[in-house]
Amino acid sequence: MKSAMISYDLVMDDEMEFIEGTFRLPGADWQVIVTLRQDVLEPAVKQVRWDSGVTGVNLIVPLSMQLNASVVEAALGEHFGVDRWVVVQGPDSMVLR
């Protein structure tokens, strides 16, 4: 079972307008995640490198999809092969970017 760490910048609720945070895969540096709703048919994960050199992902979900921690963790888990996310107090995404 592969586990990884995730940290959310905002207090999470069952329905969020957007989500920002950071995550750390085993043996890797912290990365940034920004999650937004757009007019797409299914969730998509796009690799990103910010001007600071920090890497991460933009997670785009359909306008009609509920947006919360479970959605983020499921999409990231599928993309990176992670079975379990441990929520921790990690670095702030805006500071890393």
C-alpha atoms as a PDB file:
ATOM      1  CA  MET A   1       0.000   0.000   0.000  1.00  0.00           C
ATOM      2  CA  LYS A   2       1.476   3.326  -1.106  1.00  0.00           C
ATOM      3  CA  SER A   3       0.759   6.296   1.140  1.00  0.00           C
ATOM      4  CA  ALA A   4       1.634   9.972   0.761  1.00  0.00           C
ATOM      5  CA  MET A   5       1.103  13.238   2.641  1.00  0.00           C
ATOM      6  CA  ILE A   6      -1.296  16.045   1.781  1.00  0.00           C
ATOM      7  CA  SER A   7      -1.855  19.440   3.380  1.00  0.00           C
ATOM      8  CA  TYR A   8      -4.731  21.826   2.683  1.00  0.00           C
ATOM      9  CA  ASP A   9      -4.310  25.618   2.858  1.00  0.00           C
ATOM     10  CA  LEU A  10      -7.987  26.138   3.698  1.00  0.00           C
ATOM     11  CA  VAL A  11     -10.281  24.620   6.293  1.00  0.00           C
ATOM     12  CA  MET A  12     -11.965  21.882   4.290  1.00  0.00           C
ATOM     13  CA  ASP A  13     -15.726  21.537   3.965  1.00  0.00           C
ATOM     14  CA  ASP A  14     -18.033  19.158   2.091  1.00  0.00           C
ATOM     15  CA  GLU A  15     -18.327  21.665  -0.758  1.00  0.00           C
ATOM     16  CA  MET A  16     -15.515  24.045  -1.706  1.00  0.00           C
ATOM     17  CA  GLU A  17     -15.278  26.690  -4.439  1.00  0.00           C
ATOM     18  CA  PHE A  18     -11.597  25.837  -5.012  1.00  0.00           C
ATOM     19  CA  ILE A  19      -8.871  23.984  -3.151  1.00  0.00           C
ATOM     20  CA  GLU A  20      -5.177  24.786  -2.764  1.00  0.00           C
ATOM     21  CA  GLY A  21      -2.607  22.831  -0.853  1.00  0.00           C
ATOM     22  CA  THR A  22       0.560  20.794  -1.022  1.00  0.00           C
ATOM     23  CA  PHE A  23       1.361  17.117  -1.244  1.00  0.00           C
ATOM     24  CA  ARG A  24       4.442  14.972  -0.850  1.00  0.00           C
ATOM     25  CA  LEU A  25       4.967  11.653  -2.559  1.00  0.00           C
ATOM     26  CA  PRO A  26       7.357   9.117  -0.978  1.00  0.00           C
ATOM     27  CA  GLY A  27      10.968  10.225  -1.478  1.00  0.00           C
ATOM     28  CA  ALA A  28       9.989  13.461  -3.229  1.00  0.00           C
ATOM     29  CA  ASP A  29       9.825  17.160  -2.387  1.00  0.00           C
ATOM     30  CA  TRP A  30       6.612  18.956  -1.514  1.00  0.00           C
ATOM     31  CA  GLN A  31       4.522  19.880  -4.556  1.00  0.00           C
ATOM     32  CA  VAL A  32       1.614  22.284  -4.987  1.00  0.00           C
ATOM     33  CA  ILE A  33      -1.947  21.382  -5.950  1.00  0.00           C
ATOM     34  CA  VAL A  34      -4.522  23.868  -7.194  1.00  0.00           C
ATOM     35  CA  THR A  35      -8.016  22.492  -7.810  1.00  0.00           C
ATOM     36  CA  LEU A  36     -10.598  24.367  -9.867  1.00  0.00           C
ATOM     37  CA  ARG A  37     -13.920  23.745 -11.567  1.00  0.00           C
ATOM     38  CA  GLN A  38     -14.106  24.284 -15.325  1.00  0.00           C
ATOM     39  CA  ASP A  39     -16.344  23.296 -18.208  1.00  0.00           C
ATOM     40  CA  VAL A  40     -14.865  19.802 -18.699  1.00  0.00           C
ATOM     41  CA  LEU A  41     -16.502  16.374 -18.904  1.00  0.00           C
ATOM     42  CA  GLU A  42     -14.235  14.555 -16.445  1.00  0.00           C
ATOM     43  CA  PRO A  43     -11.486  15.384 -13.952  1.00  0.00           C
ATOM     44  CA  ALA A  44      -8.039  16.051 -15.400  1.00  0.00           C
ATOM     45  CA  VAL A  45      -4.638  16.344 -13.717  1.00  0.00           C
ATOM     46  CA  LYS A  46      -2.129  18.648 -15.426  1.00  0.00           C
ATOM     47  CA  GLN A  47       1.530  18.818 -14.412  1.00  0.00           C
ATOM     48  CA  VAL A  48       2.713  22.371 -13.648  1.00  0.00           C
ATOM     49  CA  ARG A  49       6.010  24.115 -12.864  1.00  0.00           C
ATOM     50  CA  TRP A  50       5.661  27.515 -11.214  1.00  0.00           C
ATOM     51  CA  ASP A  51       8.089  30.429 -11.683  1.00  0.00           C
ATOM     52  CA  SER A  52       9.722  29.514  -8.356  1.00  0.00           C
ATOM     53  CA  GLY A  53      10.733  26.142  -9.844  1.00  0.00           C
ATOM     54  CA  VAL A  54       8.328  24.228  -7.604  1.00  0.00           C
ATOM     55  CA  THR A  55       6.332  21.564  -9.394  1.00  0.00           C
ATOM     56  CA  GLY A  56       2.829  20.344  -8.830  1.00  0.00           C
ATOM     57  CA  VAL A  57      -0.514  19.850 -10.484  1.00  0.00           C
ATOM     58  CA  ASN A  58      -3.664  21.640 -11.475  1.00  0.00           C
ATOM     59  CA  LEU A  59      -6.663  19.404 -10.879  1.00  0.00           C
ATOM     60  CA  ILE A  60      -9.580  20.457 -13.065  1.00  0.00           C
ATOM     61  CA  VAL A  61     -13.021  19.036 -12.249  1.00  0.00           C
ATOM     62  CA  PRO A  62     -16.398  19.444 -14.003  1.00  0.00           C
ATOM     63  CA  LEU A  63     -18.599  22.362 -12.952  1.00  0.00           C
ATOM     64  CA  SER A  64     -21.253  19.912 -11.759  1.00  0.00           C
ATOM     65  CA  MET A  65     -18.891  17.843  -9.580  1.00  0.00           C
ATOM     66  CA  GLN A  66     -18.792  18.221  -5.820  1.00  0.00           C
ATOM     67  CA  LEU A  67     -15.408  19.576  -4.741  1.00  0.00           C
ATOM     68  CA  ASN A  68     -13.922  18.464  -1.418  1.00  0.00           C
ATOM     69  CA  ALA A  69     -10.923  16.653   0.072  1.00  0.00           C
ATOM     70  CA  SER A  70     -12.248  13.217  -0.925  1.00  0.00           C
ATOM     71  CA  VAL A  71     -12.472  14.240  -4.589  1.00  0.00           C
ATOM     72  CA  VAL A  72      -8.934  15.684  -4.535  1.00  0.00           C
ATOM     73  CA  GLU A  73      -7.437  12.655  -2.795  1.00  0.00           C
ATOM     74  CA  ALA A  74      -9.187  10.189  -5.120  1.00  0.00           C
ATOM     75  CA  ALA A  75      -8.039  12.018  -8.271  1.00  0.00           C
ATOM     76  CA  LEU A  76      -4.460  12.447  -7.036  1.00  0.00           C
ATOM     77  CA  GLY A  77      -4.395   8.861  -5.808  1.00  0.00           C
ATOM     78  CA  GLU A  78      -5.436   7.551  -9.195  1.00  0.00           C
ATOM     79  CA  HIS A  79      -2.929   9.788 -11.009  1.00  0.00           C
ATOM     80  CA  PHE A  80       0.049   8.987  -8.751  1.00  0.00           C
ATOM     81  CA  GLY A  81      -0.853   5.446  -7.648  1.00  0.00           C
ATOM     82  CA  VAL A  82      -1.391   6.430  -4.009  1.00  0.00           C
ATOM     83  CA  ASP A  83      -3.748   4.265  -1.933  1.00  0.00           C
ATOM     84  CA  ARG A  84      -3.837   6.389   1.224  1.00  0.00           C
ATOM     85  CA  TRP A  85      -3.360  10.100   1.902  1.00  0.00           C
ATOM     86  CA  VAL A  86      -2.270  11.230   5.361  1.00  0.00           C
ATOM     87  CA  VAL A  87      -3.445  14.774   6.104  1.00  0.00           C
ATOM     88  CA  VAL A  88      -0.622  16.733   7.766  1.00  0.00           C
ATOM     89  CA  GLN A  89       0.357  20.339   8.400  1.00  0.00           C
ATOM     90  CA  GLY A  90       2.636  20.944   5.412  1.00  0.00           C
ATOM     91  CA  PRO A  91       3.988  24.059   3.725  1.00  0.00           C
ATOM     92  CA  ASP A  92       1.596  26.715   2.427  1.00  0.00           C
ATOM     93  CA  SER A  93       1.112  26.447  -1.335  1.00  0.00           C
ATOM     94  CA  MET A  94       1.282  30.212  -1.872  1.00  0.00           C
ATOM     95  CA  VAL A  95       4.663  30.365  -0.139  1.00  0.00           C
ATOM     96  CA  LEU A  96       6.040  27.509  -2.266  1.00  0.00           C
ATOM     97  CA  ARG A  97       4.779  28.962  -5.527  1.00  0.00           C
END
